[in-house]
Amino acid sequence: MKTVAVIGLGKFGFYIAKSLSKLDVTVIAVDHNEQRIQEISEYIDNAFVLDSTNKLALQEVGIVELDTVIVSIGENIEASILTVMALKDLDNKNIIAKAITTTHGEILAKIGASRVVHPEKIAGRILVKNLVENINFEKIDLSNSMRIIKFIAPPNTVSKTLKEIELKNHDAKLIAYKTEGNWNTEIDYKHQIKEDDVLAYLGDAKNIESFYEELLKL
């Protein structure tokens, strides 16, 4: 399961952390304010009061070598900059940082932020959407009994046809696949799976995920 850390739980950071908690993502939430941590703890198990400029503190809660960290520190520009520097030193890869001013944003980019966002220009839900598109596995509950799973084709399925990866002992139905940026709902079972193809299956909510696990064993 993908892990995303959110540092700073003002309005923007809180919204991002809460939204991510509804997805198939492990969220680590961090803030120096104990009340904010108590509030987010209703939605997230891994919530910590700490100084995000302290590398050892970040390391102790698991914010090391993560694929995605979101820095949403408010008016304290110095803390924002020092936090990004600490995250880079801990080998975190995709650091998305909130900027208060244009100059602040330029500094964040120069010290290693992968992406700088200005909350007044981009809503938190857009960031969540972009993150979701990079998640390898997603579940969508249609009802108590029916669920859709959407996932990037596992490496072991690449070059196989859609027909070849059918599992007769599962009641999972392929309803769409995305290849070369385009979704297809008319299934061509002769299609050879490419790297980064996305597959969407519909099935029984209790058993559909076991289909994915079996697929990984092909």
N, C-alpha and C. Protein backbone atom coordinates (compact mmCIF):
# COMPACT_ATOMS: atom_id res chain seq x y z
N MET A 1 0.85 -1.19 0.00
CA MET A 1 0.00 0.00 0.00
C MET A 1 0.88 1.25 0.00
N LYS A 2 0.52 2.22 -0.81
CA LYS A 2 1.30 3.45 -0.92
C LYS A 2 1.17 4.27 0.36
N THR A 3 2.29 4.88 0.79
CA THR A 3 2.29 5.75 1.97
C THR A 3 2.54 7.19 1.54
N VAL A 4 1.69 8.09 2.01
CA VAL A 4 1.83 9.52 1.74
C VAL A 4 1.88 10.25 3.07
N ALA A 5 2.84 11.14 3.24
CA ALA A 5 2.93 11.94 4.46
C ALA A 5 2.41 13.35 4.17
N VAL A 6 1.65 13.89 5.12
CA VAL A 6 1.16 15.27 5.02
C VAL A 6 1.69 16.02 6.24
N ILE A 7 2.48 17.05 5.99
CA ILE A 7 3.10 17.82 7.07
C ILE A 7 2.49 19.21 7.09
N GLY A 8 1.83 19.55 8.19
CA GLY A 8 1.13 20.82 8.31
C GLY A 8 -0.35 20.61 8.09
N LEU A 9 -1.16 20.83 9.14
CA LEU A 9 -2.59 20.52 9.08
C LEU A 9 -3.46 21.76 9.26
N GLY A 10 -3.10 22.81 8.50
CA GLY A 10 -4.02 23.94 8.38
C GLY A 10 -5.20 23.49 7.52
N LYS A 11 -5.98 24.43 7.01
CA LYS A 11 -7.16 24.05 6.23
C LYS A 11 -6.78 23.22 5.01
N PHE A 12 -5.74 23.64 4.31
CA PHE A 12 -5.32 22.95 3.10
C PHE A 12 -4.79 21.55 3.42
N GLY A 13 -3.85 21.48 4.35
CA GLY A 13 -3.26 20.19 4.71
C GLY A 13 -4.27 19.24 5.32
N PHE A 14 -5.17 19.77 6.15
CA PHE A 14 -6.18 18.92 6.78
C PHE A 14 -7.09 18.31 5.72
N TYR A 15 -7.49 19.12 4.75
CA TYR A 15 -8.36 18.62 3.68
C TYR A 15 -7.67 17.52 2.89
N ILE A 16 -6.41 17.74 2.55
CA ILE A 16 -5.65 16.74 1.79
C ILE A 16 -5.54 15.44 2.59
N ALA A 17 -5.15 15.55 3.86
CA ALA A 17 -4.97 14.36 4.69
C ALA A 17 -6.30 13.60 4.85
N LYS A 18 -7.37 14.31 5.11
CA LYS A 18 -8.67 13.67 5.29
C LYS A 18 -9.13 13.00 3.99
N SER A 19 -8.93 13.66 2.86
CA SER A 19 -9.33 13.09 1.57
C SER A 19 -8.54 11.84 1.25
N LEU A 20 -7.23 11.87 1.50
CA LEU A 20 -6.39 10.71 1.23
C LEU A 20 -6.76 9.54 2.13
N SER A 21 -7.26 9.83 3.35
CA SER A 21 -7.61 8.76 4.29
C SER A 21 -8.75 7.90 3.77
N LYS A 22 -9.52 8.43 2.81
CA LYS A 22 -10.65 7.68 2.24
C LYS A 22 -10.22 6.75 1.10
N LEU A 23 -8.96 6.86 0.71
CA LEU A 23 -8.44 6.07 -0.40
C LEU A 23 -7.60 4.92 0.12
N ASP A 24 -7.14 4.09 -0.81
CA ASP A 24 -6.32 2.94 -0.44
C ASP A 24 -4.87 3.39 -0.27
N VAL A 25 -4.67 4.26 0.74
CA VAL A 25 -3.36 4.88 0.99
C VAL A 25 -3.12 4.90 2.49
N THR A 26 -1.89 4.62 2.89
CA THR A 26 -1.50 4.83 4.29
C THR A 26 -1.05 6.27 4.43
N VAL A 27 -1.68 7.01 5.36
CA VAL A 27 -1.37 8.43 5.53
C VAL A 27 -0.66 8.65 6.86
N ILE A 28 0.46 9.39 6.81
CA ILE A 28 1.13 9.86 8.02
C ILE A 28 0.89 11.36 8.10
N ALA A 29 0.26 11.81 9.18
CA ALA A 29 -0.05 13.24 9.34
C ALA A 29 0.81 13.82 10.46
N VAL A 30 1.36 15.01 10.22
CA VAL A 30 2.29 15.65 11.17
C VAL A 30 1.92 17.12 11.34
N ASP A 31 1.96 17.58 12.57
CA ASP A 31 1.79 19.02 12.85
C ASP A 31 2.38 19.29 14.22
N HIS A 32 2.76 20.54 14.46
CA HIS A 32 3.29 20.92 15.78
C HIS A 32 2.17 21.22 16.76
N ASN A 33 0.93 21.34 16.25
CA ASN A 33 -0.23 21.72 17.07
C ASN A 33 -0.98 20.46 17.51
N GLU A 34 -1.04 20.24 18.81
CA GLU A 34 -1.67 19.03 19.35
C GLU A 34 -3.16 18.95 19.03
N GLN A 35 -3.85 20.09 19.04
CA GLN A 35 -5.29 20.08 18.76
C GLN A 35 -5.57 19.61 17.33
N ARG A 36 -4.76 20.07 16.38
CA ARG A 36 -4.95 19.63 14.99
C ARG A 36 -4.73 18.13 14.85
N ILE A 37 -3.74 17.61 15.58
CA ILE A 37 -3.47 16.17 15.53
C ILE A 37 -4.65 15.40 16.11
N GLN A 38 -5.23 15.90 17.19
CA GLN A 38 -6.39 15.24 17.78
C GLN A 38 -7.55 15.21 16.79
N GLU A 39 -7.73 16.30 16.05
CA GLU A 39 -8.84 16.37 15.09
C GLU A 39 -8.63 15.40 13.93
N ILE A 40 -7.41 15.35 13.39
CA ILE A 40 -7.17 14.46 12.25
C ILE A 40 -7.15 13.00 12.68
N SER A 41 -6.91 12.75 13.97
CA SER A 41 -6.85 11.37 14.47
C SER A 41 -8.18 10.64 14.35
N GLU A 42 -9.26 11.38 14.12
CA GLU A 42 -10.56 10.76 13.88
C GLU A 42 -10.56 10.02 12.54
N TYR A 43 -9.66 10.42 11.65
CA TYR A 43 -9.63 9.85 10.30
C TYR A 43 -8.34 9.06 10.02
N ILE A 44 -7.27 9.37 10.74
CA ILE A 44 -5.95 8.80 10.44
C ILE A 44 -5.33 8.24 11.72
N ASP A 45 -4.82 7.02 11.63
CA ASP A 45 -4.18 6.39 12.80
C ASP A 45 -2.79 6.94 13.06
N ASN A 46 -2.05 7.22 11.98
CA ASN A 46 -0.66 7.65 12.12
C ASN A 46 -0.57 9.17 12.11
N ALA A 47 -0.89 9.79 13.24
CA ALA A 47 -0.86 11.24 13.36
C ALA A 47 0.05 11.61 14.53
N PHE A 48 0.98 12.55 14.29
CA PHE A 48 2.02 12.81 15.29
C PHE A 48 2.24 14.31 15.50
N VAL A 49 2.43 14.67 16.76
CA VAL A 49 2.85 16.03 17.11
C VAL A 49 4.38 16.05 17.10
N LEU A 50 4.96 16.83 16.22
CA LEU A 50 6.43 16.92 16.20
C LEU A 50 6.89 18.14 15.42
N ASP A 51 8.17 18.43 15.56
CA ASP A 51 8.83 19.52 14.84
C ASP A 51 9.34 18.94 13.52
N SER A 52 8.72 19.34 12.41
CA SER A 52 9.05 18.75 11.11
C SER A 52 10.40 19.19 10.57
N THR A 53 11.04 20.16 11.24
CA THR A 53 12.38 20.56 10.80
C THR A 53 13.45 19.63 11.40
N ASN A 54 13.03 18.75 12.30
CA ASN A 54 13.93 17.84 12.99
C ASN A 54 13.99 16.52 12.23
N LYS A 55 15.13 16.24 11.60
CA LYS A 55 15.27 15.02 10.78
C LYS A 55 15.06 13.75 11.59
N LEU A 56 15.56 13.72 12.81
CA LEU A 56 15.43 12.52 13.64
C LEU A 56 13.96 12.25 13.96
N ALA A 57 13.20 13.31 14.24
CA ALA A 57 11.77 13.15 14.54
C ALA A 57 11.02 12.62 13.33
N LEU A 58 11.34 13.13 12.14
CA LEU A 58 10.71 12.64 10.92
C LEU A 58 11.05 11.18 10.69
N GLN A 59 12.30 10.84 10.92
CA GLN A 59 12.77 9.47 10.71
C GLN A 59 12.04 8.50 11.66
N GLU A 60 11.84 8.92 12.89
CA GLU A 60 11.21 8.05 13.89
C GLU A 60 9.76 7.70 13.55
N VAL A 61 9.07 8.59 12.82
CA VAL A 61 7.66 8.29 12.47
C VAL A 61 7.53 7.72 11.06
N GLY A 62 8.67 7.43 10.41
CA GLY A 62 8.61 6.73 9.13
C GLY A 62 8.61 7.59 7.89
N ILE A 63 8.92 8.88 8.03
CA ILE A 63 8.94 9.75 6.85
C ILE A 63 10.34 9.72 6.24
N VAL A 64 10.68 8.59 5.68
CA VAL A 64 11.99 8.32 5.09
C VAL A 64 11.78 7.56 3.79
N GLU A 65 12.39 8.03 2.71
CA GLU A 65 12.35 7.34 1.41
C GLU A 65 10.92 7.11 0.92
N LEU A 66 10.01 8.02 1.25
CA LEU A 66 8.63 7.89 0.77
C LEU A 66 8.52 8.40 -0.66
N ASP A 67 7.56 7.86 -1.40
CA ASP A 67 7.34 8.32 -2.78
C ASP A 67 6.75 9.73 -2.81
N THR A 68 5.87 10.04 -1.83
CA THR A 68 5.20 11.34 -1.85
C THR A 68 5.08 11.92 -0.44
N VAL A 69 5.52 13.17 -0.29
CA VAL A 69 5.33 13.92 0.95
C VAL A 69 4.77 15.29 0.57
N ILE A 70 3.73 15.71 1.27
CA ILE A 70 3.11 17.01 1.02
C ILE A 70 3.41 17.93 2.19
N VAL A 71 4.06 19.04 1.92
CA VAL A 71 4.41 20.01 2.96
C VAL A 71 3.43 21.17 2.86
N SER A 72 2.57 21.27 3.88
CA SER A 72 1.53 22.30 3.86
C SER A 72 1.64 23.19 5.10
N ILE A 73 2.84 23.67 5.34
CA ILE A 73 3.07 24.54 6.50
C ILE A 73 2.61 25.96 6.15
N GLY A 74 1.95 26.60 7.11
CA GLY A 74 1.31 27.89 6.86
C GLY A 74 2.24 29.07 6.72
N GLU A 75 2.16 30.02 7.62
CA GLU A 75 2.87 31.28 7.47
C GLU A 75 4.35 31.20 7.84
N ASN A 76 4.77 30.13 8.48
CA ASN A 76 6.16 30.01 8.93
C ASN A 76 7.04 29.57 7.76
N ILE A 77 7.50 30.53 6.98
CA ILE A 77 8.28 30.23 5.78
C ILE A 77 9.58 29.53 6.12
N GLU A 78 10.22 29.95 7.22
CA GLU A 78 11.48 29.33 7.62
C GLU A 78 11.28 27.84 7.90
N ALA A 79 10.22 27.50 8.64
CA ALA A 79 9.94 26.10 8.95
C ALA A 79 9.64 25.31 7.70
N SER A 80 8.94 25.93 6.76
CA SER A 80 8.63 25.27 5.48
C SER A 80 9.91 24.91 4.73
N ILE A 81 10.83 25.86 4.65
CA ILE A 81 12.09 25.64 3.93
C ILE A 81 12.94 24.58 4.62
N LEU A 82 13.07 24.68 5.94
CA LEU A 82 13.89 23.72 6.68
C LEU A 82 13.29 22.31 6.62
N THR A 83 11.96 22.23 6.56
CA THR A 83 11.30 20.92 6.46
C THR A 83 11.60 20.27 5.12
N VAL A 84 11.51 21.03 4.03
CA VAL A 84 11.83 20.49 2.71
C VAL A 84 13.28 20.01 2.67
N MET A 85 14.18 20.78 3.26
CA MET A 85 15.59 20.39 3.28
C MET A 85 15.78 19.08 4.05
N ALA A 86 15.07 18.95 5.18
CA ALA A 86 15.16 17.72 5.99
C ALA A 86 14.61 16.53 5.22
N LEU A 87 13.51 16.74 4.51
CA LEU A 87 12.90 15.65 3.73
C LEU A 87 13.83 15.19 2.62
N LYS A 88 14.52 16.13 1.98
CA LYS A 88 15.48 15.76 0.93
C LYS A 88 16.63 14.94 1.53
N ASP A 89 17.11 15.34 2.69
CA ASP A 89 18.21 14.62 3.34
C ASP A 89 17.80 13.19 3.70
N LEU A 90 16.48 12.98 3.91
CA LEU A 90 15.98 11.65 4.27
C LEU A 90 15.54 10.86 3.04
N ASP A 91 15.93 11.34 1.86
CA ASP A 91 15.71 10.62 0.60
C ASP A 91 14.24 10.42 0.23
N ASN A 92 13.38 11.34 0.67
CA ASN A 92 12.00 11.31 0.19
C ASN A 92 11.98 11.82 -1.25
N LYS A 93 11.17 11.20 -2.10
CA LYS A 93 11.30 11.42 -3.54
C LYS A 93 10.45 12.59 -4.05
N ASN A 94 9.15 12.45 -4.04
CA ASN A 94 8.26 13.45 -4.61
C ASN A 94 7.77 14.37 -3.50
N ILE A 95 8.40 15.53 -3.35
CA ILE A 95 8.05 16.47 -2.29
C ILE A 95 7.20 17.59 -2.88
N ILE A 96 5.95 17.64 -2.48
CA ILE A 96 5.01 18.67 -2.96
C ILE A 96 4.87 19.70 -1.84
N ALA A 97 5.24 20.94 -2.11
CA ALA A 97 5.28 21.95 -1.05
C ALA A 97 4.37 23.13 -1.35
N LYS A 98 3.66 23.58 -0.32
CA LYS A 98 2.81 24.76 -0.44
C LYS A 98 3.64 26.02 -0.26
N ALA A 99 3.41 27.01 -1.12
CA ALA A 99 4.13 28.28 -1.02
C ALA A 99 3.15 29.40 -0.69
N ILE A 100 3.63 30.35 0.11
CA ILE A 100 2.81 31.50 0.49
C ILE A 100 2.97 32.63 -0.52
N THR A 101 4.18 32.79 -1.04
CA THR A 101 4.46 33.84 -2.01
C THR A 101 5.22 33.25 -3.19
N THR A 102 5.35 34.04 -4.24
CA THR A 102 6.12 33.59 -5.41
C THR A 102 7.58 33.34 -5.04
N THR A 103 8.16 34.25 -4.25
CA THR A 103 9.56 34.10 -3.84
C THR A 103 9.74 32.85 -2.99
N HIS A 104 8.81 32.64 -2.08
CA HIS A 104 8.84 31.43 -1.25
C HIS A 104 8.82 30.19 -2.14
N GLY A 105 7.99 30.20 -3.16
CA GLY A 105 7.90 29.07 -4.09
C GLY A 105 9.19 28.84 -4.84
N GLU A 106 9.83 29.92 -5.27
CA GLU A 106 11.10 29.81 -5.99
C GLU A 106 12.18 29.19 -5.11
N ILE A 107 12.20 29.57 -3.83
CA ILE A 107 13.18 29.01 -2.89
C ILE A 107 12.92 27.52 -2.70
N LEU A 108 11.67 27.15 -2.51
CA LEU A 108 11.32 25.74 -2.31
C LEU A 108 11.75 24.90 -3.51
N ALA A 109 11.53 25.43 -4.70
CA ALA A 109 11.91 24.69 -5.91
C ALA A 109 13.43 24.53 -5.98
N LYS A 110 14.18 25.56 -5.61
CA LYS A 110 15.63 25.52 -5.70
C LYS A 110 16.25 24.55 -4.69
N ILE A 111 15.59 24.37 -3.54
CA ILE A 111 16.17 23.49 -2.52
C ILE A 111 15.68 22.05 -2.65
N GLY A 112 14.85 21.78 -3.67
CA GLY A 112 14.53 20.38 -3.92
C GLY A 112 13.08 19.97 -3.95
N ALA A 113 12.14 20.90 -3.77
CA ALA A 113 10.73 20.53 -3.89
C ALA A 113 10.43 20.09 -5.33
N SER A 114 9.80 18.94 -5.48
CA SER A 114 9.47 18.43 -6.81
C SER A 114 8.38 19.28 -7.47
N ARG A 115 7.49 19.78 -6.64
CA ARG A 115 6.38 20.59 -7.14
C ARG A 115 5.98 21.59 -6.09
N VAL A 116 5.72 22.82 -6.50
CA VAL A 116 5.28 23.88 -5.59
C VAL A 116 3.86 24.26 -5.95
N VAL A 117 2.99 24.32 -4.95
CA VAL A 117 1.59 24.68 -5.19
C VAL A 117 1.23 25.93 -4.39
N HIS A 118 0.34 26.71 -4.96
CA HIS A 118 -0.19 27.90 -4.31
C HIS A 118 -1.67 27.66 -4.06
N PRO A 119 -2.06 27.45 -2.81
CA PRO A 119 -3.45 27.07 -2.51
C PRO A 119 -4.50 28.01 -3.10
N GLU A 120 -4.12 29.29 -3.26
CA GLU A 120 -5.11 30.22 -3.83
C GLU A 120 -5.30 29.98 -5.32
N LYS A 121 -4.41 29.21 -5.94
CA LYS A 121 -4.49 28.96 -7.38
C LYS A 121 -4.94 27.53 -7.70
N ILE A 122 -4.74 26.63 -6.75
CA ILE A 122 -5.09 25.24 -7.03
C ILE A 122 -5.80 24.64 -5.82
N ALA A 123 -6.95 24.10 -6.02
CA ALA A 123 -7.73 23.54 -4.93
C ALA A 123 -7.13 22.21 -4.49
N GLY A 124 -7.32 21.88 -3.23
CA GLY A 124 -6.79 20.64 -2.71
C GLY A 124 -7.29 19.42 -3.44
N ARG A 125 -8.52 19.48 -3.94
CA ARG A 125 -9.07 18.30 -4.62
C ARG A 125 -8.35 17.98 -5.92
N ILE A 126 -7.75 18.99 -6.56
CA ILE A 126 -6.99 18.74 -7.78
C ILE A 126 -5.72 17.94 -7.45
N LEU A 127 -5.08 18.32 -6.34
CA LEU A 127 -3.88 17.59 -5.92
C LEU A 127 -4.22 16.15 -5.60
N VAL A 128 -5.34 15.93 -4.89
CA VAL A 128 -5.76 14.57 -4.58
C VAL A 128 -5.99 13.78 -5.86
N LYS A 129 -6.63 14.40 -6.85
CA LYS A 129 -6.89 13.71 -8.11
C LYS A 129 -5.57 13.27 -8.77
N ASN A 130 -4.59 14.17 -8.78
CA ASN A 130 -3.30 13.84 -9.37
C ASN A 130 -2.62 12.70 -8.64
N LEU A 131 -2.75 12.68 -7.31
CA LEU A 131 -2.15 11.60 -6.54
C LEU A 131 -2.84 10.28 -6.83
N VAL A 132 -4.17 10.33 -6.93
CA VAL A 132 -4.93 9.11 -7.19
C VAL A 132 -4.49 8.47 -8.50
N GLU A 133 -4.19 9.30 -9.50
CA GLU A 133 -3.79 8.77 -10.80
C GLU A 133 -2.47 8.01 -10.72
N ASN A 134 -1.71 8.24 -9.65
CA ASN A 134 -0.42 7.56 -9.50
C ASN A 134 -0.49 6.38 -8.54
N ILE A 135 -1.68 6.10 -8.01
CA ILE A 135 -1.84 4.98 -7.10
C ILE A 135 -2.00 3.70 -7.90
N ASN A 136 -1.27 2.67 -7.53
CA ASN A 136 -1.26 1.43 -8.29
C ASN A 136 -2.56 0.66 -8.19
N PHE A 137 -3.30 0.81 -7.10
CA PHE A 137 -4.49 -0.01 -6.86
C PHE A 137 -5.56 0.84 -6.19
N GLU A 138 -6.78 0.76 -6.71
CA GLU A 138 -7.88 1.55 -6.16
C GLU A 138 -9.15 0.71 -6.11
N LYS A 139 -9.93 0.89 -5.04
CA LYS A 139 -11.19 0.18 -4.87
C LYS A 139 -12.35 1.18 -4.94
N ILE A 140 -13.43 0.78 -5.59
CA ILE A 140 -14.64 1.61 -5.67
C ILE A 140 -15.82 0.73 -5.29
N ASP A 141 -16.46 1.01 -4.17
CA ASP A 141 -17.61 0.22 -3.73
C ASP A 141 -18.87 0.74 -4.40
N LEU A 142 -19.53 -0.14 -5.15
CA LEU A 142 -20.80 0.22 -5.78
C LEU A 142 -21.97 -0.05 -4.85
N SER A 143 -21.84 -1.07 -4.02
CA SER A 143 -22.86 -1.44 -3.04
C SER A 143 -22.19 -2.32 -2.01
N ASN A 144 -22.97 -2.87 -1.08
CA ASN A 144 -22.39 -3.76 -0.08
C ASN A 144 -21.85 -5.04 -0.70
N SER A 145 -22.37 -5.39 -1.87
CA SER A 145 -21.99 -6.68 -2.47
C SER A 145 -21.15 -6.56 -3.74
N MET A 146 -21.08 -5.36 -4.34
CA MET A 146 -20.36 -5.21 -5.60
C MET A 146 -19.25 -4.17 -5.47
N ARG A 147 -18.10 -4.49 -6.07
CA ARG A 147 -16.95 -3.59 -5.98
C ARG A 147 -16.20 -3.60 -7.31
N ILE A 148 -15.67 -2.43 -7.67
CA ILE A 148 -14.76 -2.32 -8.82
C ILE A 148 -13.34 -2.17 -8.28
N ILE A 149 -12.39 -2.91 -8.87
CA ILE A 149 -10.98 -2.66 -8.57
C ILE A 149 -10.31 -2.16 -9.84
N LYS A 150 -9.47 -1.14 -9.67
CA LYS A 150 -8.75 -0.54 -10.80
C LYS A 150 -7.28 -0.55 -10.45
N PHE A 151 -6.44 -1.06 -11.35
CA PHE A 151 -5.02 -1.18 -11.01
C PHE A 151 -4.15 -1.12 -12.26
N ILE A 152 -2.92 -0.70 -12.06
CA ILE A 152 -1.93 -0.74 -13.14
C ILE A 152 -1.55 -2.20 -13.38
N ALA A 153 -1.52 -2.60 -14.63
CA ALA A 153 -1.21 -3.98 -14.97
C ALA A 153 0.09 -4.41 -14.32
N PRO A 154 0.09 -5.50 -13.55
CA PRO A 154 1.32 -5.99 -12.93
C PRO A 154 2.37 -6.34 -13.97
N PRO A 155 3.64 -6.21 -13.64
CA PRO A 155 4.71 -6.51 -14.61
C PRO A 155 4.62 -7.90 -15.22
N ASN A 156 4.12 -8.88 -14.45
CA ASN A 156 4.06 -10.26 -14.96
C ASN A 156 2.99 -10.46 -16.03
N THR A 157 2.11 -9.44 -16.21
CA THR A 157 1.06 -9.57 -17.23
C THR A 157 1.42 -8.86 -18.54
N VAL A 158 2.47 -8.05 -18.50
CA VAL A 158 2.86 -7.29 -19.69
C VAL A 158 3.22 -8.24 -20.83
N SER A 159 2.71 -7.93 -22.03
CA SER A 159 2.87 -8.71 -23.27
C SER A 159 1.89 -9.87 -23.37
N LYS A 160 1.15 -10.18 -22.30
CA LYS A 160 0.10 -11.18 -22.39
C LYS A 160 -1.16 -10.52 -22.92
N THR A 161 -2.05 -11.34 -23.49
CA THR A 161 -3.32 -10.79 -23.96
C THR A 161 -4.30 -10.74 -22.79
N LEU A 162 -5.35 -9.94 -22.95
CA LEU A 162 -6.38 -9.88 -21.92
C LEU A 162 -7.03 -11.25 -21.72
N LYS A 163 -7.11 -12.01 -22.80
CA LYS A 163 -7.68 -13.35 -22.71
C LYS A 163 -6.80 -14.26 -21.86
N GLU A 164 -5.49 -14.11 -21.99
CA GLU A 164 -4.56 -14.98 -21.28
C GLU A 164 -4.58 -14.77 -19.77
N ILE A 165 -4.99 -13.60 -19.32
CA ILE A 165 -4.97 -13.36 -17.87
C ILE A 165 -6.34 -13.59 -17.23
N GLU A 166 -7.30 -14.11 -18.00
CA GLU A 166 -8.58 -14.48 -17.40
C GLU A 166 -8.38 -15.64 -16.43
N LEU A 167 -9.01 -15.56 -15.27
CA LEU A 167 -8.92 -16.63 -14.29
C LEU A 167 -10.30 -17.28 -14.16
N LYS A 168 -10.39 -18.53 -14.58
CA LYS A 168 -11.68 -19.22 -14.66
C LYS A 168 -12.32 -19.43 -13.29
N ASN A 169 -11.47 -19.49 -12.24
CA ASN A 169 -12.02 -19.77 -10.91
C ASN A 169 -12.45 -18.50 -10.18
N HIS A 170 -12.48 -17.38 -10.91
CA HIS A 170 -12.93 -16.12 -10.30
C HIS A 170 -14.07 -15.52 -11.13
N ASP A 171 -14.97 -14.84 -10.43
CA ASP A 171 -16.12 -14.23 -11.09
C ASP A 171 -15.88 -12.75 -11.36
N ALA A 172 -14.61 -12.37 -11.58
CA ALA A 172 -14.27 -10.98 -11.87
C ALA A 172 -14.47 -10.69 -13.35
N LYS A 173 -15.17 -9.61 -13.65
CA LYS A 173 -15.46 -9.26 -15.04
C LYS A 173 -14.68 -8.00 -15.43
N LEU A 174 -13.90 -8.11 -16.50
CA LEU A 174 -13.19 -6.94 -17.03
C LEU A 174 -14.20 -5.99 -17.67
N ILE A 175 -14.29 -4.77 -17.17
CA ILE A 175 -15.29 -3.82 -17.68
C ILE A 175 -14.66 -2.69 -18.48
N ALA A 176 -13.35 -2.48 -18.33
CA ALA A 176 -12.67 -1.42 -19.09
C ALA A 176 -11.17 -1.58 -18.93
N TYR A 177 -10.43 -1.04 -19.89
CA TYR A 177 -8.98 -0.99 -19.76
C TYR A 177 -8.47 0.28 -20.43
N LYS A 178 -7.38 0.79 -19.88
CA LYS A 178 -6.80 2.03 -20.38
C LYS A 178 -5.43 1.72 -20.96
N THR A 179 -5.23 2.07 -22.22
CA THR A 179 -3.94 1.85 -22.86
C THR A 179 -3.58 3.07 -23.70
N GLU A 180 -2.33 3.48 -23.63
CA GLU A 180 -1.84 4.65 -24.36
C GLU A 180 -2.71 5.89 -24.10
N GLY A 181 -3.18 6.01 -22.85
CA GLY A 181 -3.93 7.19 -22.44
C GLY A 181 -5.41 7.16 -22.72
N ASN A 182 -5.92 6.09 -23.35
CA ASN A 182 -7.33 6.02 -23.73
C ASN A 182 -8.04 4.86 -23.04
N TRP A 183 -9.23 5.16 -22.50
CA TRP A 183 -10.05 4.11 -21.90
C TRP A 183 -10.87 3.40 -22.97
N ASN A 184 -10.98 2.09 -22.84
CA ASN A 184 -11.77 1.27 -23.76
C ASN A 184 -12.77 0.45 -22.97
N THR A 185 -14.04 0.59 -23.31
CA THR A 185 -15.08 -0.21 -22.65
C THR A 185 -15.54 -1.38 -23.52
N GLU A 186 -15.20 -1.33 -24.80
CA GLU A 186 -15.43 -2.49 -25.66
C GLU A 186 -14.16 -3.32 -25.61
N ILE A 187 -14.26 -4.47 -24.99
CA ILE A 187 -13.07 -5.25 -24.65
C ILE A 187 -12.55 -6.04 -25.85
N ASP A 188 -11.31 -5.77 -26.21
CA ASP A 188 -10.63 -6.56 -27.24
C ASP A 188 -9.71 -7.53 -26.51
N TYR A 189 -10.17 -8.77 -26.37
CA TYR A 189 -9.42 -9.74 -25.58
C TYR A 189 -8.10 -10.16 -26.25
N LYS A 190 -7.89 -9.75 -27.50
CA LYS A 190 -6.62 -10.01 -28.17
C LYS A 190 -5.58 -8.93 -27.87
N HIS A 191 -6.02 -7.89 -27.17
CA HIS A 191 -5.11 -6.78 -26.84
C HIS A 191 -3.96 -7.27 -25.98
N GLN A 192 -2.74 -6.98 -26.39
CA GLN A 192 -1.56 -7.33 -25.61
C GLN A 192 -1.28 -6.22 -24.59
N ILE A 193 -1.21 -6.60 -23.35
CA ILE A 193 -1.05 -5.64 -22.27
C ILE A 193 0.31 -4.95 -22.35
N LYS A 194 0.26 -3.64 -22.21
CA LYS A 194 1.48 -2.83 -22.24
C LYS A 194 1.80 -2.34 -20.83
N GLU A 195 3.05 -1.97 -20.64
CA GLU A 195 3.45 -1.37 -19.37
C GLU A 195 2.63 -0.11 -19.13
N ASP A 196 2.12 0.06 -17.93
CA ASP A 196 1.30 1.21 -17.51
C ASP A 196 -0.14 1.13 -17.99
N ASP A 197 -0.56 0.04 -18.65
CA ASP A 197 -1.99 -0.17 -18.90
C ASP A 197 -2.72 -0.24 -17.56
N VAL A 198 -3.97 0.25 -17.55
CA VAL A 198 -4.79 0.19 -16.34
C VAL A 198 -5.98 -0.72 -16.63
N LEU A 199 -6.26 -1.63 -15.71
CA LEU A 199 -7.36 -2.58 -15.87
C LEU A 199 -8.41 -2.33 -14.80
N ALA A 200 -9.68 -2.43 -15.16
CA ALA A 200 -10.78 -2.25 -14.21
C ALA A 200 -11.69 -3.47 -14.25
N TYR A 201 -11.89 -4.09 -13.09
CA TYR A 201 -12.70 -5.30 -12.98
C TYR A 201 -13.85 -5.06 -12.01
N LEU A 202 -14.97 -5.72 -12.29
CA LEU A 202 -16.15 -5.68 -11.44
C LEU A 202 -16.37 -7.07 -10.87
N GLY A 203 -16.72 -7.13 -9.58
CA GLY A 203 -16.98 -8.44 -8.99
C GLY A 203 -17.54 -8.34 -7.59
N ASP A 204 -17.66 -9.51 -6.95
CA ASP A 204 -18.18 -9.60 -5.60
C ASP A 204 -17.24 -8.88 -4.63
N ALA A 205 -17.80 -8.05 -3.77
CA ALA A 205 -16.98 -7.22 -2.88
C ALA A 205 -16.07 -8.05 -1.98
N LYS A 206 -16.53 -9.25 -1.60
CA LYS A 206 -15.75 -10.07 -0.67
C LYS A 206 -14.59 -10.78 -1.36
N ASN A 207 -14.72 -11.03 -2.67
CA ASN A 207 -13.75 -11.89 -3.34
C ASN A 207 -12.93 -11.22 -4.44
N ILE A 208 -13.31 -10.01 -4.85
CA ILE A 208 -12.69 -9.40 -6.01
C ILE A 208 -11.19 -9.15 -5.79
N GLU A 209 -10.79 -8.82 -4.55
CA GLU A 209 -9.38 -8.55 -4.31
C GLU A 209 -8.52 -9.81 -4.38
N SER A 210 -9.14 -10.96 -4.10
CA SER A 210 -8.38 -12.21 -4.23
C SER A 210 -8.06 -12.50 -5.69
N PHE A 211 -8.90 -11.98 -6.60
CA PHE A 211 -8.61 -12.10 -8.03
C PHE A 211 -7.29 -11.38 -8.35
N TYR A 212 -7.14 -10.17 -7.81
CA TYR A 212 -5.92 -9.40 -8.05
C TYR A 212 -4.70 -10.14 -7.48
N GLU A 213 -4.85 -10.72 -6.30
CA GLU A 213 -3.74 -11.45 -5.69
C GLU A 213 -3.34 -12.66 -6.53
N GLU A 214 -4.34 -13.35 -7.10
CA GLU A 214 -4.06 -14.50 -7.97
C GLU A 214 -3.40 -14.04 -9.28
N LEU A 215 -3.82 -12.89 -9.74
CA LEU A 215 -3.25 -12.35 -10.98
C LEU A 215 -1.75 -12.11 -10.83
N LEU A 216 -1.35 -11.67 -9.65
CA LEU A 216 0.07 -11.41 -9.39
C LEU A 216 0.92 -12.68 -9.44
N LYS A 217 0.26 -13.83 -9.28
CA LYS A 217 0.98 -15.10 -9.24
C LYS A 217 1.10 -15.76 -10.63
N LEU A 218 0.47 -15.17 -11.63
CA LEU A 218 0.52 -15.78 -12.97
C LEU A 218 1.95 -15.89 -13.49
